[in-house]
């Protein structure tokens, strides 16, 4: 799988460890920065990582910052992105299984290296439960992205999932 990877200065060190894990697991990494511990603005890197997912350049994205919140906010502003902050394996699993999350946001100030490894592995291994209520809900999220009331809009085609 091809994965975009981005971090701010607080996530920079752990980004290298996540990149190594992805590489060891046979994934291809598109590094969107930062490549320094010097203070920087997370929207710059988060946007690039999310845009690569939305445009189909990569299949999924992983972002890292101190709390995961900033990266989650910025990546979720990109149309077609369903970013999830995950603090444990259950959240990682459910973000994929029920929400078809395509960007994982990690909190480097909160999570240790081993927990991040387990979260990343779980998130990458878990598939979306295609069909039924979860697919309907994902389609409604796409309606909201278009500015439509999800209770009234026409459901988009499966390709928008």
N, C-alpha and C. Protein backbone atom coordinates (compact mmCIF):
# COMPACT_ATOMS: atom_id res chain seq x y z
N UNK A 1 0.85 -1.17 0.00
CA UNK A 1 0.00 0.00 0.00
C UNK A 1 0.90 1.24 0.00
N UNK A 2 0.48 2.26 -0.69
CA UNK A 2 1.21 3.53 -0.70
C UNK A 2 0.55 4.47 0.30
N UNK A 3 1.36 5.06 1.19
CA UNK A 3 0.84 5.84 2.30
C UNK A 3 1.58 7.17 2.39
N UNK A 4 0.82 8.27 2.48
CA UNK A 4 1.45 9.56 2.74
C UNK A 4 1.70 9.68 4.24
N UNK A 5 2.80 10.31 4.60
CA UNK A 5 3.20 10.42 5.99
C UNK A 5 3.64 11.85 6.26
N UNK A 6 3.05 12.47 7.28
CA UNK A 6 3.37 13.86 7.59
C UNK A 6 3.38 14.08 9.09
N UNK A 7 4.23 15.00 9.51
CA UNK A 7 4.31 15.36 10.93
C UNK A 7 4.73 16.82 11.07
N UNK A 8 4.36 17.39 12.20
CA UNK A 8 4.92 18.69 12.55
C UNK A 8 6.18 18.45 13.38
N UNK A 9 6.73 19.51 13.93
CA UNK A 9 7.98 19.38 14.70
C UNK A 9 7.83 18.47 15.92
N UNK A 10 6.65 18.43 16.52
CA UNK A 10 6.44 17.57 17.69
C UNK A 10 6.29 16.10 17.31
N UNK A 11 5.94 15.84 16.06
CA UNK A 11 5.79 14.46 15.61
C UNK A 11 6.96 13.98 14.76
N UNK A 12 7.91 14.87 14.50
CA UNK A 12 9.02 14.56 13.58
C UNK A 12 9.79 13.30 13.97
N UNK A 13 10.19 13.17 15.21
CA UNK A 13 10.99 12.02 15.63
C UNK A 13 10.22 10.71 15.45
N UNK A 14 8.97 10.69 15.87
CA UNK A 14 8.17 9.47 15.76
C UNK A 14 7.82 9.17 14.30
N UNK A 15 7.74 10.19 13.47
CA UNK A 15 7.46 9.98 12.04
C UNK A 15 8.52 9.07 11.42
N UNK A 16 9.76 9.27 11.80
CA UNK A 16 10.83 8.41 11.30
C UNK A 16 10.63 6.97 11.70
N UNK A 17 10.16 6.74 12.92
CA UNK A 17 9.92 5.38 13.40
C UNK A 17 8.72 4.75 12.69
N UNK A 18 7.69 5.54 12.44
CA UNK A 18 6.52 5.04 11.71
C UNK A 18 6.92 4.73 10.27
N UNK A 19 7.74 5.59 9.67
CA UNK A 19 8.21 5.34 8.30
C UNK A 19 8.98 4.03 8.22
N UNK A 20 9.82 3.77 9.21
CA UNK A 20 10.59 2.52 9.24
C UNK A 20 9.65 1.32 9.37
N UNK A 21 8.64 1.42 10.22
CA UNK A 21 7.66 0.35 10.39
C UNK A 21 6.94 0.08 9.07
N UNK A 22 6.51 1.14 8.41
CA UNK A 22 5.81 0.99 7.13
C UNK A 22 6.70 0.33 6.09
N UNK A 23 7.93 0.78 6.03
CA UNK A 23 8.89 0.21 5.08
C UNK A 23 9.13 -1.27 5.37
N UNK A 24 9.33 -1.62 6.63
CA UNK A 24 9.54 -3.02 7.02
C UNK A 24 8.33 -3.90 6.68
N UNK A 25 7.15 -3.28 6.68
CA UNK A 25 5.92 -4.02 6.39
C UNK A 25 5.62 -4.08 4.89
N UNK A 26 6.50 -3.51 4.08
CA UNK A 26 6.33 -3.59 2.63
C UNK A 26 5.52 -2.46 2.01
N UNK A 27 5.21 -1.44 2.79
CA UNK A 27 4.45 -0.30 2.26
C UNK A 27 5.39 0.74 1.66
N UNK A 28 4.88 1.51 0.74
CA UNK A 28 5.65 2.61 0.16
C UNK A 28 5.21 3.90 0.84
N UNK A 29 6.18 4.71 1.22
CA UNK A 29 5.90 5.94 1.96
C UNK A 29 6.16 7.16 1.10
N UNK A 30 5.19 8.06 1.07
CA UNK A 30 5.35 9.37 0.43
C UNK A 30 5.51 10.36 1.58
N UNK A 31 6.73 10.82 1.82
CA UNK A 31 7.05 11.69 2.95
C UNK A 31 6.68 13.13 2.62
N UNK A 32 5.75 13.68 3.40
CA UNK A 32 5.27 15.04 3.18
C UNK A 32 5.88 16.04 4.17
N UNK A 33 6.91 15.60 4.93
CA UNK A 33 7.56 16.50 5.88
C UNK A 33 6.88 16.47 7.23
N UNK A 34 7.34 17.22 8.12
CA UNK A 34 8.57 17.96 8.17
C UNK A 34 9.73 17.01 8.41
N UNK A 35 10.91 17.46 8.09
CA UNK A 35 12.09 16.66 8.29
C UNK A 35 13.05 17.33 9.26
N UNK A 36 12.44 18.00 10.24
CA UNK A 36 13.22 18.75 11.22
C UNK A 36 12.42 18.90 12.51
N UNK A 37 13.12 19.10 13.60
CA UNK A 37 12.44 19.36 14.88
C UNK A 37 12.23 20.86 15.10
N UNK A 38 12.58 21.66 14.10
CA UNK A 38 12.37 23.11 14.16
C UNK A 38 10.87 23.40 14.06
N UNK A 39 10.39 24.32 14.86
CA UNK A 39 8.97 24.67 14.90
C UNK A 39 8.44 24.96 13.49
N UNK A 40 7.27 24.38 13.20
CA UNK A 40 6.64 24.57 11.89
C UNK A 40 5.12 24.55 12.07
N UNK A 41 4.41 24.79 11.01
CA UNK A 41 2.95 24.86 11.04
C UNK A 41 2.35 23.57 10.48
N UNK A 42 1.66 22.81 11.35
CA UNK A 42 1.11 21.51 10.96
C UNK A 42 0.16 21.55 9.75
N UNK A 43 -0.58 22.65 9.51
CA UNK A 43 -1.46 22.63 8.33
C UNK A 43 -0.70 22.44 7.01
N UNK A 44 0.54 22.90 6.95
CA UNK A 44 1.31 22.78 5.71
C UNK A 44 1.52 21.32 5.33
N UNK A 45 1.96 20.52 6.28
CA UNK A 45 2.22 19.11 6.01
C UNK A 45 0.94 18.28 5.99
N UNK A 46 0.02 18.58 6.90
CA UNK A 46 -1.24 17.84 6.96
C UNK A 46 -2.04 17.96 5.67
N UNK A 47 -2.08 19.17 5.12
CA UNK A 47 -2.80 19.37 3.86
C UNK A 47 -2.20 18.53 2.74
N UNK A 48 -0.88 18.53 2.63
CA UNK A 48 -0.21 17.77 1.57
C UNK A 48 -0.52 16.27 1.69
N UNK A 49 -0.47 15.77 2.91
CA UNK A 49 -0.73 14.34 3.13
C UNK A 49 -2.18 13.99 2.76
N UNK A 50 -3.12 14.83 3.19
CA UNK A 50 -4.53 14.59 2.91
C UNK A 50 -4.84 14.74 1.42
N UNK A 51 -4.25 15.73 0.79
CA UNK A 51 -4.49 15.94 -0.64
C UNK A 51 -4.02 14.75 -1.45
N UNK A 52 -2.89 14.16 -1.06
CA UNK A 52 -2.39 12.98 -1.77
C UNK A 52 -3.39 11.82 -1.67
N UNK A 53 -4.04 11.68 -0.53
CA UNK A 53 -5.07 10.65 -0.36
C UNK A 53 -6.29 10.99 -1.22
N UNK A 54 -6.77 12.21 -1.09
CA UNK A 54 -7.98 12.62 -1.81
C UNK A 54 -7.82 12.51 -3.32
N UNK A 55 -6.62 12.76 -3.82
CA UNK A 55 -6.38 12.72 -5.27
C UNK A 55 -6.00 11.32 -5.76
N UNK A 56 -5.91 10.36 -4.84
CA UNK A 56 -5.60 9.00 -5.24
C UNK A 56 -4.13 8.73 -5.52
N UNK A 57 -3.27 9.66 -5.14
CA UNK A 57 -1.83 9.46 -5.30
C UNK A 57 -1.37 8.34 -4.37
N UNK A 58 -1.98 8.28 -3.18
CA UNK A 58 -1.73 7.24 -2.19
C UNK A 58 -3.08 6.67 -1.76
N UNK A 59 -3.05 5.51 -1.12
CA UNK A 59 -4.30 4.89 -0.66
C UNK A 59 -4.75 5.43 0.69
N UNK A 60 -3.79 5.71 1.57
CA UNK A 60 -4.11 6.22 2.91
C UNK A 60 -3.02 7.17 3.36
N UNK A 61 -3.31 7.87 4.47
CA UNK A 61 -2.33 8.79 5.04
C UNK A 61 -2.22 8.62 6.54
N UNK A 62 -1.06 8.95 7.06
CA UNK A 62 -0.82 8.96 8.50
C UNK A 62 -0.17 10.28 8.85
N UNK A 63 -0.73 10.95 9.86
CA UNK A 63 -0.17 12.22 10.31
C UNK A 63 0.14 12.14 11.80
N UNK A 64 1.13 12.92 12.21
CA UNK A 64 1.53 12.94 13.61
C UNK A 64 1.73 14.38 14.08
N UNK A 65 1.20 14.68 15.24
CA UNK A 65 1.46 15.95 15.90
C UNK A 65 1.32 15.71 17.40
N UNK A 66 1.48 16.72 18.20
CA UNK A 66 1.47 16.54 19.65
C UNK A 66 0.24 15.83 20.18
N UNK A 67 -0.95 16.31 19.81
CA UNK A 67 -2.19 15.72 20.31
C UNK A 67 -2.98 14.97 19.24
N UNK A 68 -2.63 15.15 17.98
CA UNK A 68 -3.39 14.57 16.88
C UNK A 68 -4.55 15.47 16.47
N UNK A 69 -4.91 16.41 17.31
CA UNK A 69 -6.08 17.26 17.05
C UNK A 69 -5.85 18.19 15.88
N UNK A 70 -4.74 18.90 15.87
CA UNK A 70 -4.47 19.84 14.78
C UNK A 70 -4.46 19.16 13.43
N UNK A 71 -3.75 18.05 13.34
CA UNK A 71 -3.70 17.32 12.07
C UNK A 71 -5.07 16.79 11.68
N UNK A 72 -5.85 16.36 12.66
CA UNK A 72 -7.20 15.88 12.38
C UNK A 72 -8.07 16.99 11.81
N UNK A 73 -7.99 18.15 12.40
CA UNK A 73 -8.79 19.28 11.92
C UNK A 73 -8.42 19.63 10.48
N UNK A 74 -7.13 19.80 10.23
CA UNK A 74 -6.72 20.23 8.88
C UNK A 74 -6.99 19.15 7.84
N UNK A 75 -6.72 17.90 8.15
CA UNK A 75 -6.94 16.86 7.13
C UNK A 75 -8.42 16.67 6.84
N UNK A 76 -9.25 16.80 7.85
CA UNK A 76 -10.69 16.65 7.63
C UNK A 76 -11.30 17.80 6.84
N UNK A 77 -10.56 18.86 6.61
CA UNK A 77 -11.04 19.97 5.77
C UNK A 77 -10.92 19.64 4.28
N UNK A 78 -10.14 18.61 3.95
CA UNK A 78 -9.93 18.24 2.55
C UNK A 78 -11.06 17.29 2.13
N UNK A 79 -11.73 17.66 1.04
CA UNK A 79 -12.87 16.87 0.56
C UNK A 79 -12.45 15.43 0.32
N UNK A 80 -13.25 14.51 0.83
CA UNK A 80 -13.00 13.10 0.64
C UNK A 80 -12.18 12.45 1.75
N UNK A 81 -11.74 13.26 2.70
CA UNK A 81 -10.93 12.73 3.79
C UNK A 81 -11.79 12.43 5.00
N UNK A 82 -11.53 11.27 5.58
CA UNK A 82 -12.16 10.85 6.83
C UNK A 82 -11.02 10.50 7.78
N UNK A 83 -10.54 11.52 8.49
CA UNK A 83 -9.40 11.35 9.39
C UNK A 83 -9.89 11.03 10.79
N UNK A 84 -9.14 10.15 11.46
CA UNK A 84 -9.49 9.74 12.81
C UNK A 84 -8.28 9.80 13.73
N UNK A 85 -8.47 10.42 14.89
CA UNK A 85 -7.45 10.38 15.94
C UNK A 85 -7.66 9.07 16.68
N UNK A 86 -6.63 8.27 16.77
CA UNK A 86 -6.75 6.98 17.46
C UNK A 86 -5.72 6.89 18.57
N UNK A 87 -6.22 6.58 19.77
CA UNK A 87 -5.34 6.46 20.94
C UNK A 87 -5.16 5.01 21.36
N UNK A 88 -5.86 4.09 20.70
CA UNK A 88 -5.70 2.67 21.03
C UNK A 88 -6.11 1.83 19.83
N UNK A 89 -5.90 0.52 19.95
CA UNK A 89 -6.17 -0.39 18.84
C UNK A 89 -7.66 -0.49 18.51
N UNK A 90 -8.52 -0.41 19.51
CA UNK A 90 -9.95 -0.48 19.25
C UNK A 90 -10.41 0.70 18.39
N UNK A 91 -9.95 1.89 18.74
CA UNK A 91 -10.31 3.07 17.95
C UNK A 91 -9.79 2.94 16.53
N UNK A 92 -8.58 2.43 16.37
CA UNK A 92 -8.00 2.24 15.04
C UNK A 92 -8.84 1.26 14.23
N UNK A 93 -9.20 0.16 14.86
CA UNK A 93 -10.01 -0.86 14.19
C UNK A 93 -11.38 -0.31 13.79
N UNK A 94 -12.05 0.35 14.71
CA UNK A 94 -13.39 0.86 14.43
C UNK A 94 -13.37 2.01 13.42
N UNK A 95 -12.31 2.82 13.44
CA UNK A 95 -12.22 3.92 12.47
C UNK A 95 -12.17 3.39 11.04
N UNK A 96 -11.59 2.22 10.88
CA UNK A 96 -11.55 1.59 9.56
C UNK A 96 -12.82 0.80 9.29
N UNK A 97 -13.20 -0.05 10.22
CA UNK A 97 -14.32 -0.97 10.02
C UNK A 97 -15.63 -0.22 9.80
N UNK A 98 -15.91 0.78 10.62
CA UNK A 98 -17.20 1.47 10.56
C UNK A 98 -17.16 2.81 9.86
N UNK A 99 -16.01 3.50 9.86
CA UNK A 99 -15.95 4.85 9.31
C UNK A 99 -15.12 4.97 8.05
N UNK A 100 -14.48 3.87 7.64
CA UNK A 100 -13.63 3.87 6.45
C UNK A 100 -12.63 5.03 6.48
N UNK A 101 -12.04 5.26 7.66
CA UNK A 101 -11.06 6.34 7.80
C UNK A 101 -9.91 6.11 6.83
N UNK A 102 -9.55 7.18 6.12
CA UNK A 102 -8.45 7.07 5.17
C UNK A 102 -7.21 7.85 5.60
N UNK A 103 -7.31 8.54 6.73
CA UNK A 103 -6.15 9.20 7.35
C UNK A 103 -6.17 8.88 8.84
N UNK A 104 -5.04 8.44 9.34
CA UNK A 104 -4.85 8.15 10.75
C UNK A 104 -4.05 9.29 11.36
N UNK A 105 -4.56 9.87 12.46
CA UNK A 105 -3.88 10.95 13.16
C UNK A 105 -3.39 10.44 14.52
N UNK A 106 -2.10 10.59 14.75
CA UNK A 106 -1.49 10.08 15.98
C UNK A 106 -0.98 11.21 16.85
N UNK A 107 -1.11 11.01 18.16
CA UNK A 107 -0.72 12.00 19.17
C UNK A 107 0.61 11.60 19.79
N UNK A 108 1.68 12.24 19.36
CA UNK A 108 3.00 11.84 19.83
C UNK A 108 3.28 12.24 21.27
N UNK A 109 2.56 13.23 21.80
CA UNK A 109 2.76 13.62 23.21
C UNK A 109 2.05 12.67 24.16
N UNK A 110 1.14 11.87 23.65
CA UNK A 110 0.30 11.01 24.48
C UNK A 110 0.68 9.54 24.35
N UNK A 111 1.03 9.13 23.16
CA UNK A 111 1.25 7.71 22.88
C UNK A 111 2.72 7.34 22.89
N UNK A 112 3.01 6.18 23.40
CA UNK A 112 4.37 5.65 23.35
C UNK A 112 4.60 4.95 22.03
N UNK A 113 5.86 4.65 21.77
CA UNK A 113 6.25 4.04 20.51
C UNK A 113 5.56 2.70 20.27
N UNK A 114 5.49 1.84 21.27
CA UNK A 114 4.88 0.52 21.11
C UNK A 114 3.38 0.63 20.81
N UNK A 115 2.68 1.51 21.51
CA UNK A 115 1.25 1.69 21.25
C UNK A 115 1.03 2.23 19.84
N UNK A 116 1.85 3.19 19.43
CA UNK A 116 1.71 3.71 18.06
C UNK A 116 1.91 2.60 17.04
N UNK A 117 2.89 1.75 17.26
CA UNK A 117 3.13 0.63 16.34
C UNK A 117 1.90 -0.25 16.24
N UNK A 118 1.31 -0.58 17.39
CA UNK A 118 0.13 -1.45 17.38
C UNK A 118 -1.06 -0.76 16.71
N UNK A 119 -1.23 0.53 16.95
CA UNK A 119 -2.32 1.27 16.32
C UNK A 119 -2.14 1.28 14.80
N UNK A 120 -0.95 1.60 14.34
CA UNK A 120 -0.69 1.66 12.89
C UNK A 120 -0.94 0.30 12.26
N UNK A 121 -0.42 -0.76 12.86
CA UNK A 121 -0.61 -2.10 12.29
C UNK A 121 -2.09 -2.48 12.24
N UNK A 122 -2.81 -2.21 13.32
CA UNK A 122 -4.25 -2.52 13.35
C UNK A 122 -4.99 -1.72 12.29
N UNK A 123 -4.71 -0.44 12.20
CA UNK A 123 -5.39 0.44 11.26
C UNK A 123 -5.15 -0.01 9.81
N UNK A 124 -3.93 -0.42 9.51
CA UNK A 124 -3.61 -0.84 8.14
C UNK A 124 -4.21 -2.20 7.80
N UNK A 125 -4.36 -3.06 8.78
CA UNK A 125 -4.87 -4.42 8.54
C UNK A 125 -6.39 -4.49 8.50
N UNK A 126 -7.07 -3.51 9.07
CA UNK A 126 -8.53 -3.57 9.18
C UNK A 126 -9.19 -3.04 7.91
N UNK A 127 -10.15 -3.79 7.42
CA UNK A 127 -10.91 -3.40 6.23
C UNK A 127 -12.24 -2.77 6.63
N UNK A 128 -12.80 -1.99 5.73
CA UNK A 128 -14.11 -1.38 5.91
C UNK A 128 -15.20 -2.43 5.71
N UNK A 129 -16.22 -2.41 6.55
CA UNK A 129 -17.38 -3.30 6.40
C UNK A 129 -18.28 -2.71 5.32
N UNK A 130 -18.01 -3.08 4.11
CA UNK A 130 -18.73 -2.57 2.95
C UNK A 130 -20.20 -2.95 3.01
N UNK A 131 -21.04 -2.02 2.62
CA UNK A 131 -22.47 -2.27 2.57
C UNK A 131 -23.17 -1.92 3.87
N UNK A 132 -24.49 -1.95 3.83
CA UNK A 132 -25.29 -1.73 5.03
C UNK A 132 -25.20 -0.33 5.62
N UNK A 133 -25.43 -0.28 6.91
CA UNK A 133 -25.55 1.01 7.60
C UNK A 133 -24.25 1.82 7.57
N UNK A 134 -23.09 1.17 7.62
CA UNK A 134 -21.83 1.92 7.63
C UNK A 134 -21.58 2.59 6.28
N UNK A 135 -21.85 1.89 5.21
CA UNK A 135 -21.69 2.49 3.89
C UNK A 135 -22.68 3.65 3.70
N UNK A 136 -23.91 3.47 4.17
CA UNK A 136 -24.91 4.54 4.08
C UNK A 136 -24.41 5.78 4.83
N UNK A 137 -23.82 5.59 5.98
CA UNK A 137 -23.34 6.72 6.78
C UNK A 137 -22.17 7.43 6.12
N UNK A 138 -21.29 6.67 5.50
CA UNK A 138 -20.17 7.28 4.78
C UNK A 138 -20.70 8.11 3.61
N UNK A 139 -21.71 7.61 2.94
CA UNK A 139 -22.31 8.37 1.85
C UNK A 139 -22.95 9.67 2.36
N UNK A 140 -23.52 9.62 3.54
CA UNK A 140 -24.11 10.83 4.12
C UNK A 140 -23.03 11.84 4.47
N UNK A 141 -21.87 11.37 4.89
CA UNK A 141 -20.75 12.29 5.14
C UNK A 141 -20.39 13.01 3.85
N UNK A 142 -20.40 12.29 2.73
CA UNK A 142 -20.12 12.92 1.43
C UNK A 142 -21.17 13.99 1.11
N UNK A 143 -22.41 13.77 1.51
CA UNK A 143 -23.46 14.78 1.31
C UNK A 143 -23.13 16.04 2.11
N UNK A 144 -22.71 15.85 3.35
CA UNK A 144 -22.34 16.99 4.20
C UNK A 144 -21.19 17.76 3.56
N UNK A 145 -20.21 17.06 2.99
CA UNK A 145 -19.09 17.72 2.31
C UNK A 145 -19.57 18.62 1.17
N UNK A 146 -20.66 18.23 0.54
CA UNK A 146 -21.22 19.04 -0.55
C UNK A 146 -22.15 20.13 -0.03
N UNK A 147 -22.28 20.23 1.30
CA UNK A 147 -23.14 21.25 1.88
C UNK A 147 -24.60 20.87 1.90
N UNK A 148 -24.90 19.60 1.76
CA UNK A 148 -26.29 19.14 1.73
C UNK A 148 -26.68 18.53 3.07
N UNK A 149 -27.94 18.65 3.40
CA UNK A 149 -28.48 18.01 4.59
C UNK A 149 -28.47 16.51 4.35
N UNK A 150 -27.78 15.73 5.20
CA UNK A 150 -27.69 14.29 4.93
C UNK A 150 -29.02 13.56 5.00
N UNK A 151 -30.03 14.16 5.63
CA UNK A 151 -31.34 13.50 5.69
C UNK A 151 -32.12 13.67 4.38
N UNK A 152 -31.67 14.61 3.54
CA UNK A 152 -32.40 14.91 2.31
C UNK A 152 -31.63 14.62 1.02
N UNK A 153 -30.34 14.44 1.09
CA UNK A 153 -29.56 14.39 -0.14
C UNK A 153 -29.62 13.02 -0.82
N UNK A 154 -29.32 13.03 -2.08
CA UNK A 154 -29.21 11.80 -2.84
C UNK A 154 -27.87 11.18 -2.48
N UNK A 155 -27.85 9.89 -2.25
CA UNK A 155 -26.60 9.23 -1.88
C UNK A 155 -25.67 9.16 -3.09
N UNK A 156 -24.39 9.54 -2.91
CA UNK A 156 -23.44 9.47 -4.02
C UNK A 156 -23.11 8.02 -4.36
N UNK A 157 -22.44 7.86 -5.47
CA UNK A 157 -22.07 6.51 -5.91
C UNK A 157 -20.99 5.93 -5.02
N UNK A 158 -20.83 4.63 -5.10
CA UNK A 158 -19.86 3.92 -4.27
C UNK A 158 -18.43 4.42 -4.52
N UNK A 159 -18.12 4.95 -5.69
CA UNK A 159 -16.76 5.39 -5.98
C UNK A 159 -16.34 6.56 -5.08
N UNK A 160 -17.29 7.26 -4.47
CA UNK A 160 -16.96 8.38 -3.58
C UNK A 160 -16.63 7.94 -2.17
N UNK A 161 -16.69 6.64 -1.90
CA UNK A 161 -16.39 6.14 -0.57
C UNK A 161 -14.90 6.13 -0.38
